Amino acid sequence: MSYNYPFDTSWSKDEIIIVVQFFTLVERAYESGIERDILLAGYRKFKEVVPSKSEEKRLFTEFERESGYSGYQVMKKVKEEDRHKIRM
């Protein structure tokens, strides 16, 4: 797929990589499924870069608009289900 990942220009290169890696995990949840632990580890790193809920919501909305994949729905499923593999 060809679309842009949301990020903040004030972030460092490493922070941008962390955010893009998290959104790549969201993509995998939709496309092939992903291990719950890997997704949660990626989300924890993402939250270190984006601690604000409002900023998280903005980035999730931008990503969904670009890709059609909902970071919110993926994380909701992770929290509601205790499965080893998450697949949307």
PDB file of N, CA and C in Angstrom:
ATOM      1  N   MET A   1       0.834  -1.177   0.000  1.00  0.00           N
ATOM      2  CA  MET A   1       0.000   0.000   0.000  1.00  0.00           C
ATOM      3  C   MET A   1       0.880   1.242   0.000  1.00  0.00           C
ATOM      4  N   SER A   2       0.324   2.276  -0.549  1.00  0.00           N
ATOM      5  CA  SER A   2       1.081   3.514  -0.629  1.00  0.00           C
ATOM      6  C   SER A   2       0.318   4.637   0.066  1.00  0.00           C
ATOM      7  N   TYR A   3       0.790   4.984   1.246  1.00  0.00           N
ATOM      8  CA  TYR A   3       0.210   6.090   1.995  1.00  0.00           C
ATOM      9  C   TYR A   3       1.250   6.621   2.961  1.00  0.00           C
ATOM     10  N   ASN A   4       0.959   7.763   3.549  1.00  0.00           N
ATOM     11  CA  ASN A   4       1.884   8.406   4.474  1.00  0.00           C
ATOM     12  C   ASN A   4       1.531   8.065   5.916  1.00  0.00           C
ATOM     13  N   TYR A   5       2.557   7.909   6.723  1.00  0.00           N
ATOM     14  CA  TYR A   5       2.372   7.679   8.141  1.00  0.00           C
ATOM     15  C   TYR A   5       2.336   9.024   8.862  1.00  0.00           C
ATOM     16  N   PRO A   6       1.454   9.158   9.839  1.00  0.00           N
ATOM     17  CA  PRO A   6       1.411  10.426  10.585  1.00  0.00           C
ATOM     18  C   PRO A   6       2.575  10.526  11.567  1.00  0.00           C
ATOM     19  N   PHE A   7       3.128  11.713  11.679  1.00  0.00           N
ATOM     20  CA  PHE A   7       4.179  11.967  12.669  1.00  0.00           C
ATOM     21  C   PHE A   7       4.277  13.466  12.908  1.00  0.00           C
ATOM     22  N   ASP A   8       5.022  13.824  13.919  1.00  0.00           N
ATOM     23  CA  ASP A   8       5.217  15.222  14.290  1.00  0.00           C
ATOM     24  C   ASP A   8       6.634  15.616  13.876  1.00  0.00           C
ATOM     25  N   THR A   9       6.766  16.735  13.213  1.00  0.00           N
ATOM     26  CA  THR A   9       8.085  17.161  12.732  1.00  0.00           C
ATOM     27  C   THR A   9       9.062  17.517  13.854  1.00  0.00           C
ATOM     28  N   SER A  10       8.552  17.675  15.067  1.00  0.00           N
ATOM     29  CA  SER A  10       9.438  17.984  16.194  1.00  0.00           C
ATOM     30  C   SER A  10      10.075  16.724  16.792  1.00  0.00           C
ATOM     31  N   TRP A  11       9.633  15.559  16.370  1.00  0.00           N
ATOM     32  CA  TRP A  11      10.192  14.312  16.894  1.00  0.00           C
ATOM     33  C   TRP A  11      11.576  14.051  16.322  1.00  0.00           C
ATOM     34  N   SER A  12      12.356  13.301  17.086  1.00  0.00           N
ATOM     35  CA  SER A  12      13.664  12.869  16.597  1.00  0.00           C
ATOM     36  C   SER A  12      13.470  11.738  15.583  1.00  0.00           C
ATOM     37  N   LYS A  13      14.537  11.413  14.887  1.00  0.00           N
ATOM     38  CA  LYS A  13      14.501  10.307  13.919  1.00  0.00           C
ATOM     39  C   LYS A  13      14.073   9.009  14.610  1.00  0.00           C
ATOM     40  N   ASP A  14      14.625   8.744  15.788  1.00  0.00           N
ATOM     41  CA  ASP A  14      14.297   7.522  16.527  1.00  0.00           C
ATOM     42  C   ASP A  14      12.823   7.494  16.932  1.00  0.00           C
ATOM     43  N   GLU A  15      12.286   8.636  17.326  1.00  0.00           N
ATOM     44  CA  GLU A  15      10.870   8.697  17.713  1.00  0.00           C
ATOM     45  C   GLU A  15       9.964   8.446  16.507  1.00  0.00           C
ATOM     46  N   ILE A  16      10.335   9.004  15.364  1.00  0.00           N
ATOM     47  CA  ILE A  16       9.551   8.759  14.146  1.00  0.00           C
ATOM     48  C   ILE A  16       9.573   7.272  13.805  1.00  0.00           C
ATOM     49  N   ILE A  17      10.721   6.648  13.921  1.00  0.00           N
ATOM     50  CA  ILE A  17      10.842   5.214  13.636  1.00  0.00           C
ATOM     51  C   ILE A  17       9.942   4.403  14.569  1.00  0.00           C
ATOM     52  N   ILE A  18       9.907   4.739  15.847  1.00  0.00           N
ATOM     53  CA  ILE A  18       9.057   4.037  16.815  1.00  0.00           C
ATOM     54  C   ILE A  18       7.591   4.148  16.429  1.00  0.00           C
ATOM     55  N   VAL A  19       7.140   5.336  16.062  1.00  0.00           N
ATOM     56  CA  VAL A  19       5.739   5.551  15.698  1.00  0.00           C
ATOM     57  C   VAL A  19       5.398   4.797  14.414  1.00  0.00           C
ATOM     58  N   VAL A  20       6.265   4.871  13.425  1.00  0.00           N
ATOM     59  CA  VAL A  20       6.021   4.159  12.165  1.00  0.00           C
ATOM     60  C   VAL A  20       6.007   2.654  12.407  1.00  0.00           C
ATOM     61  N   GLN A  21       6.905   2.159  13.249  1.00  0.00           N
ATOM     62  CA  GLN A  21       6.918   0.728  13.563  1.00  0.00           C
ATOM     63  C   GLN A  21       5.609   0.302  14.223  1.00  0.00           C
ATOM     64  N   PHE A  22       5.072   1.131  15.102  1.00  0.00           N
ATOM     65  CA  PHE A  22       3.794   0.789  15.729  1.00  0.00           C
ATOM     66  C   PHE A  22       2.685   0.697  14.677  1.00  0.00           C
ATOM     67  N   PHE A  23       2.624   1.686  13.788  1.00  0.00           N
ATOM     68  CA  PHE A  23       1.576   1.643  12.765  1.00  0.00           C
ATOM     69  C   PHE A  23       1.765   0.460  11.816  1.00  0.00           C
ATOM     70  N   THR A  24       2.996   0.028  11.626  1.00  0.00           N
ATOM     71  CA  THR A  24       3.252  -1.174  10.836  1.00  0.00           C
ATOM     72  C   THR A  24       2.679  -2.406  11.547  1.00  0.00           C
ATOM     73  N   LEU A  25       2.758  -2.431  12.880  1.00  0.00           N
ATOM     74  CA  LEU A  25       2.167  -3.529  13.648  1.00  0.00           C
ATOM     75  C   LEU A  25       0.645  -3.525  13.515  1.00  0.00           C
ATOM     76  N   VAL A  26       0.046  -2.343  13.498  1.00  0.00           N
ATOM     77  CA  VAL A  26      -1.403  -2.232  13.293  1.00  0.00           C
ATOM     78  C   VAL A  26      -1.762  -2.808  11.924  1.00  0.00           C
ATOM     79  N   GLU A  27      -0.975  -2.483  10.911  1.00  0.00           N
ATOM     80  CA  GLU A  27      -1.204  -3.034   9.572  1.00  0.00           C
ATOM     81  C   GLU A  27      -1.157  -4.559   9.602  1.00  0.00           C
ATOM     82  N   ARG A  28      -0.166  -5.101  10.276  1.00  0.00           N
ATOM     83  CA  ARG A  28      -0.030  -6.565  10.356  1.00  0.00           C
ATOM     84  C   ARG A  28      -1.227  -7.201  11.032  1.00  0.00           C
ATOM     85  N   ALA A  29      -1.792  -6.520  12.038  1.00  0.00           N
ATOM     86  CA  ALA A  29      -2.982  -7.058  12.713  1.00  0.00           C
ATOM     87  C   ALA A  29      -4.112  -7.249  11.710  1.00  0.00           C
ATOM     88  N   TYR A  30      -4.221  -6.358  10.757  1.00  0.00           N
ATOM     89  CA  TYR A  30      -5.263  -6.444   9.732  1.00  0.00           C
ATOM     90  C   TYR A  30      -4.904  -7.426   8.625  1.00  0.00           C
ATOM     91  N   GLU A  31      -3.664  -7.417   8.209  1.00  0.00           N
ATOM     92  CA  GLU A  31      -3.283  -8.163   7.017  1.00  0.00           C
ATOM     93  C   GLU A  31      -2.976  -9.631   7.271  1.00  0.00           C
ATOM     94  N   SER A  32      -2.329  -9.947   8.382  1.00  0.00           N
ATOM     95  CA  SER A  32      -1.949 -11.346   8.609  1.00  0.00           C
ATOM     96  C   SER A  32      -2.095 -11.787  10.057  1.00  0.00           C
ATOM     97  N   GLY A  33      -2.364 -10.855  10.934  1.00  0.00           N
ATOM     98  CA  GLY A  33      -2.420 -11.167  12.358  1.00  0.00           C
ATOM     99  C   GLY A  33      -1.053 -10.929  12.983  1.00  0.00           C
ATOM    100  N   ILE A  34      -1.064 -10.688  14.291  1.00  0.00           N
ATOM    101  CA  ILE A  34       0.186 -10.386  14.993  1.00  0.00           C
ATOM    102  C   ILE A  34       0.097 -10.891  16.421  1.00  0.00           C
ATOM    103  N   GLU A  35       1.211 -11.322  16.953  1.00  0.00           N
ATOM    104  CA  GLU A  35       1.243 -11.777  18.333  1.00  0.00           C
ATOM    105  C   GLU A  35       0.929 -10.609  19.267  1.00  0.00           C
ATOM    106  N   ARG A  36       0.105 -10.900  20.230  1.00  0.00           N
ATOM    107  CA  ARG A  36      -0.360  -9.896  21.191  1.00  0.00           C
ATOM    108  C   ARG A  36       0.808  -9.209  21.903  1.00  0.00           C
ATOM    109  N   ASP A  37       1.786  -9.995  22.354  1.00  0.00           N
ATOM    110  CA  ASP A  37       2.923  -9.437  23.096  1.00  0.00           C
ATOM    111  C   ASP A  37       3.747  -8.465  22.252  1.00  0.00           C
ATOM    112  N   ILE A  38       3.911  -8.782  20.980  1.00  0.00           N
ATOM    113  CA  ILE A  38       4.664  -7.900  20.087  1.00  0.00           C
ATOM    114  C   ILE A  38       3.915  -6.582  19.910  1.00  0.00           C
ATOM    115  N   LEU A  39       2.608  -6.665  19.723  1.00  0.00           N
ATOM    116  CA  LEU A  39       1.789  -5.471  19.555  1.00  0.00           C
ATOM    117  C   LEU A  39       1.812  -4.613  20.811  1.00  0.00           C
ATOM    118  N   LEU A  40       1.675  -5.236  21.974  1.00  0.00           N
ATOM    119  CA  LEU A  40       1.699  -4.476  23.229  1.00  0.00           C
ATOM    120  C   LEU A  40       3.054  -3.817  23.472  1.00  0.00           C
ATOM    121  N   ALA A  41       4.131  -4.497  23.124  1.00  0.00           N
ATOM    122  CA  ALA A  41       5.470  -3.912  23.279  1.00  0.00           C
ATOM    123  C   ALA A  41       5.619  -2.701  22.359  1.00  0.00           C
ATOM    124  N   GLY A  42       5.119  -2.811  21.151  1.00  0.00           N
ATOM    125  CA  GLY A  42       5.161  -1.687  20.218  1.00  0.00           C
ATOM    126  C   GLY A  42       4.324  -0.515  20.702  1.00  0.00           C
ATOM    127  N   TYR A  43       3.172  -0.827  21.289  1.00  0.00           N
ATOM    128  CA  TYR A  43       2.302   0.232  21.817  1.00  0.00           C
ATOM    129  C   TYR A  43       2.947   0.937  23.003  1.00  0.00           C
ATOM    130  N   ARG A  44       3.628   0.188  23.873  1.00  0.00           N
ATOM    131  CA  ARG A  44       4.322   0.811  25.012  1.00  0.00           C
ATOM    132  C   ARG A  44       5.383   1.800  24.526  1.00  0.00           C
ATOM    133  N   LYS A  45       6.140   1.415  23.509  1.00  0.00           N
ATOM    134  CA  LYS A  45       7.148   2.325  22.946  1.00  0.00           C
ATOM    135  C   LYS A  45       6.469   3.540  22.313  1.00  0.00           C
ATOM    136  N   PHE A  46       5.374   3.299  21.589  1.00  0.00           N
ATOM    137  CA  PHE A  46       4.603   4.378  20.970  1.00  0.00           C
ATOM    138  C   PHE A  46       4.154   5.379  22.034  1.00  0.00           C
ATOM    139  N   LYS A  47       3.674   4.874  23.182  1.00  0.00           N
ATOM    140  CA  LYS A  47       3.188   5.749  24.253  1.00  0.00           C
ATOM    141  C   LYS A  47       4.315   6.556  24.900  1.00  0.00           C
ATOM    142  N   GLU A  48       5.554   6.079  24.820  1.00  0.00           N
ATOM    143  CA  GLU A  48       6.683   6.869  25.314  1.00  0.00           C
ATOM    144  C   GLU A  48       6.882   8.105  24.444  1.00  0.00           C
ATOM    145  N   VAL A  49       6.603   7.962  23.160  1.00  0.00           N
ATOM    146  CA  VAL A  49       6.739   9.086  22.228  1.00  0.00           C
ATOM    147  C   VAL A  49       5.488   9.959  22.258  1.00  0.00           C
ATOM    148  N   VAL A  50       4.328   9.302  22.389  1.00  0.00           N
ATOM    149  CA  VAL A  50       3.032   9.993  22.328  1.00  0.00           C
ATOM    150  C   VAL A  50       2.247   9.708  23.615  1.00  0.00           C
ATOM    151  N   PRO A  51       2.619  10.341  24.733  1.00  0.00           N
ATOM    152  CA  PRO A  51       1.938  10.050  25.998  1.00  0.00           C
ATOM    153  C   PRO A  51       0.520  10.632  26.085  1.00  0.00           C
ATOM    154  N   SER A  52       0.242  11.657  25.320  1.00  0.00           N
ATOM    155  CA  SER A  52      -1.051  12.332  25.379  1.00  0.00           C
ATOM    156  C   SER A  52      -2.129  11.538  24.637  1.00  0.00           C
ATOM    157  N   LYS A  53      -3.276  11.333  25.298  1.00  0.00           N
ATOM    158  CA  LYS A  53      -4.405  10.637  24.668  1.00  0.00           C
ATOM    159  C   LYS A  53      -4.934  11.419  23.478  1.00  0.00           C
ATOM    160  N   SER A  54      -4.973  12.737  23.585  1.00  0.00           N
ATOM    161  CA  SER A  54      -5.500  13.544  22.478  1.00  0.00           C
ATOM    162  C   SER A  54      -4.577  13.460  21.256  1.00  0.00           C
ATOM    163  N   GLU A  55      -3.278  13.449  21.482  1.00  0.00           N
ATOM    164  CA  GLU A  55      -2.330  13.308  20.379  1.00  0.00           C
ATOM    165  C   GLU A  55      -2.427  11.905  19.774  1.00  0.00           C
ATOM    166  N   GLU A  56      -2.572  10.898  20.631  1.00  0.00           N
ATOM    167  CA  GLU A  56      -2.754   9.527  20.148  1.00  0.00           C
ATOM    168  C   GLU A  56      -3.996   9.450  19.254  1.00  0.00           C
ATOM    169  N   LYS A  57      -5.079  10.035  19.720  1.00  0.00           N
ATOM    170  CA  LYS A  57      -6.330  10.014  18.950  1.00  0.00           C
ATOM    171  C   LYS A  57      -6.150  10.713  17.597  1.00  0.00           C
ATOM    172  N   ARG A  58      -5.451  11.836  17.590  1.00  0.00           N
ATOM    173  CA  ARG A  58      -5.204  12.555  16.338  1.00  0.00           C
ATOM    174  C   ARG A  58      -4.399  11.709  15.361  1.00  0.00           C
ATOM    175  N   LEU A  59      -3.353  11.061  15.862  1.00  0.00           N
ATOM    176  CA  LEU A  59      -2.512  10.227  15.001  1.00  0.00           C
ATOM    177  C   LEU A  59      -3.280   9.009  14.499  1.00  0.00           C
ATOM    178  N   PHE A  60      -4.070   8.380  15.386  1.00  0.00           N
ATOM    179  CA  PHE A  60      -4.883   7.234  14.975  1.00  0.00           C
ATOM    180  C   PHE A  60      -5.872   7.641  13.883  1.00  0.00           C
ATOM    181  N   THR A  61      -6.484   8.812  14.036  1.00  0.00           N
ATOM    182  CA  THR A  61      -7.452   9.299  13.045  1.00  0.00           C
ATOM    183  C   THR A  61      -6.775   9.552  11.709  1.00  0.00           C
ATOM    184  N   GLU A  62      -5.617  10.195  11.732  1.00  0.00           N
ATOM    185  CA  GLU A  62      -4.864  10.453  10.498  1.00  0.00           C
ATOM    186  C   GLU A  62      -4.464   9.152   9.821  1.00  0.00           C
ATOM    187  N   PHE A  63      -3.989   8.195  10.613  1.00  0.00           N
ATOM    188  CA  PHE A  63      -3.560   6.912  10.055  1.00  0.00           C
ATOM    189  C   PHE A  63      -4.747   6.175   9.439  1.00  0.00           C
ATOM    190  N   GLU A  64      -5.881   6.183  10.123  1.00  0.00           N
ATOM    191  CA  GLU A  64      -7.056   5.501   9.593  1.00  0.00           C
ATOM    192  C   GLU A  64      -7.536   6.173   8.297  1.00  0.00           C
ATOM    193  N   ARG A  65      -7.493   7.478   8.249  1.00  0.00           N
ATOM    194  CA  ARG A  65      -7.893   8.210   7.041  1.00  0.00           C
ATOM    195  C   ARG A  65      -6.991   7.822   5.860  1.00  0.00           C
ATOM    196  N   GLU A  66      -5.707   7.677   6.116  1.00  0.00           N
ATOM    197  CA  GLU A  66      -4.741   7.333   5.062  1.00  0.00           C
ATOM    198  C   GLU A  66      -4.818   5.857   4.652  1.00  0.00           C
ATOM    199  N   SER A  67      -4.943   4.975   5.642  1.00  0.00           N
ATOM    200  CA  SER A  67      -4.780   3.542   5.383  1.00  0.00           C
ATOM    201  C   SER A  67      -6.067   2.728   5.429  1.00  0.00           C
ATOM    202  N   GLY A  68      -7.051   3.216   6.165  1.00  0.00           N
ATOM    203  CA  GLY A  68      -8.259   2.434   6.386  1.00  0.00           C
ATOM    204  C   GLY A  68      -8.144   1.512   7.590  1.00  0.00           C
ATOM    205  N   TYR A  69      -6.987   1.500   8.248  1.00  0.00           N
ATOM    206  CA  TYR A  69      -6.748   0.653   9.415  1.00  0.00           C
ATOM    207  C   TYR A  69      -6.911   1.471  10.696  1.00  0.00           C
ATOM    208  N   SER A  70      -7.649   0.930  11.646  1.00  0.00           N
ATOM    209  CA  SER A  70      -7.928   1.643  12.888  1.00  0.00           C
ATOM    210  C   SER A  70      -7.025   1.175  14.025  1.00  0.00           C
ATOM    211  N   GLY A  71      -6.107   2.050  14.431  1.00  0.00           N
ATOM    212  CA  GLY A  71      -5.264   1.745  15.590  1.00  0.00           C
ATOM    213  C   GLY A  71      -6.111   1.609  16.842  1.00  0.00           C
ATOM    214  N   TYR A  72      -7.150   2.423  16.940  1.00  0.00           N
ATOM    215  CA  TYR A  72      -8.036   2.369  18.102  1.00  0.00           C
ATOM    216  C   TYR A  72      -8.710   1.007  18.206  1.00  0.00           C
ATOM    217  N   GLN A  73      -9.261   0.506  17.095  1.00  0.00           N
ATOM    218  CA  GLN A  73      -9.954  -0.778  17.120  1.00  0.00           C
ATOM    219  C   GLN A  73      -9.002  -1.938  17.424  1.00  0.00           C
ATOM    220  N   VAL A  74      -7.785  -1.848  16.924  1.00  0.00           N
ATOM    221  CA  VAL A  74      -6.795  -2.895  17.206  1.00  0.00           C
ATOM    222  C   VAL A  74      -6.465  -2.909  18.697  1.00  0.00           C
ATOM    223  N   MET A  75      -6.206  -1.744  19.280  1.00  0.00           N
ATOM    224  CA  MET A  75      -5.855  -1.707  20.695  1.00  0.00           C
ATOM    225  C   MET A  75      -7.057  -2.059  21.574  1.00  0.00           C
ATOM    226  N   LYS A  76      -8.240  -1.728  21.142  1.00  0.00           N
ATOM    227  CA  LYS A  76      -9.454  -2.116  21.875  1.00  0.00           C
ATOM    228  C   LYS A  76      -9.571  -3.633  21.909  1.00  0.00           C
ATOM    229  N   LYS A  77      -9.317  -4.274  20.773  1.00  0.00           N
ATOM    230  CA  LYS A  77      -9.397  -5.735  20.701  1.00  0.00           C
ATOM    231  C   LYS A  77      -8.335  -6.381  21.590  1.00  0.00           C
ATOM    232  N   VAL A  78      -7.137  -5.799  21.612  1.00  0.00           N
ATOM    233  CA  VAL A  78      -6.060  -6.326  22.458  1.00  0.00           C
ATOM    234  C   VAL A  78      -6.470  -6.291  23.928  1.00  0.00           C
ATOM    235  N   LYS A  79      -7.108  -5.196  24.335  1.00  0.00           N
ATOM    236  CA  LYS A  79      -7.496  -5.039  25.736  1.00  0.00           C
ATOM    237  C   LYS A  79      -8.697  -5.905  26.109  1.00  0.00           C
ATOM    238  N   GLU A  80      -9.581  -6.170  25.161  1.00  0.00           N
ATOM    239  CA  GLU A  80     -10.793  -6.944  25.440  1.00  0.00           C
ATOM    240  C   GLU A  80     -10.577  -8.451  25.365  1.00  0.00           C
ATOM    241  N   GLU A  81      -9.652  -8.878  24.521  1.00  0.00           N
ATOM    242  CA  GLU A  81      -9.435 -10.302  24.309  1.00  0.00           C
ATOM    243  C   GLU A  81      -8.076 -10.725  24.852  1.00  0.00           C
ATOM    244  N   ASP A  82      -8.004 -11.964  25.264  1.00  0.00           N
ATOM    245  CA  ASP A  82      -6.755 -12.473  25.823  1.00  0.00           C
ATOM    246  C   ASP A  82      -6.147 -13.527  24.899  1.00  0.00           C
ATOM    247  N   ARG A  83      -6.313 -13.336  23.614  1.00  0.00           N
ATOM    248  CA  ARG A  83      -5.774 -14.285  22.639  1.00  0.00           C
ATOM    249  C   ARG A  83      -4.290 -14.045  22.409  1.00  0.00           C
ATOM    250  N   HIS A  84      -3.602 -15.115  22.029  1.00  0.00           N
ATOM    251  CA  HIS A  84      -2.174 -15.022  21.747  1.00  0.00           C
ATOM    252  C   HIS A  84      -1.915 -14.223  20.468  1.00  0.00           C
ATOM    253  N   LYS A  85      -2.797 -14.390  19.461  1.00  0.00           N
ATOM    254  CA  LYS A  85      -2.633 -13.697  18.191  1.00  0.00           C
ATOM    255  C   LYS A  85      -3.850 -12.810  17.929  1.00  0.00           C
ATOM    256  N   ILE A  86      -3.571 -11.578  17.539  1.00  0.00           N
ATOM    257  CA  ILE A  86      -4.623 -10.613  17.245  1.00  0.00           C
ATOM    258  C   ILE A  86      -4.766 -10.507  15.733  1.00  0.00           C
ATOM    259  N   ARG A  87      -5.991 -10.671  15.293  1.00  0.00           N
ATOM    260  CA  ARG A  87      -6.282 -10.547  13.857  1.00  0.00           C
ATOM    261  C   ARG A  87      -7.588  -9.803  13.694  1.00  0.00           C
ATOM    262  N   MET A  88      -7.540  -8.779  12.874  1.00  0.00           N
ATOM    263  CA  MET A  88      -8.736  -7.973  12.637  1.00  0.00           C
ATOM    264  C   MET A  88      -9.515  -8.513  11.440  1.00  0.00           C
TER     265      MET A  88
END
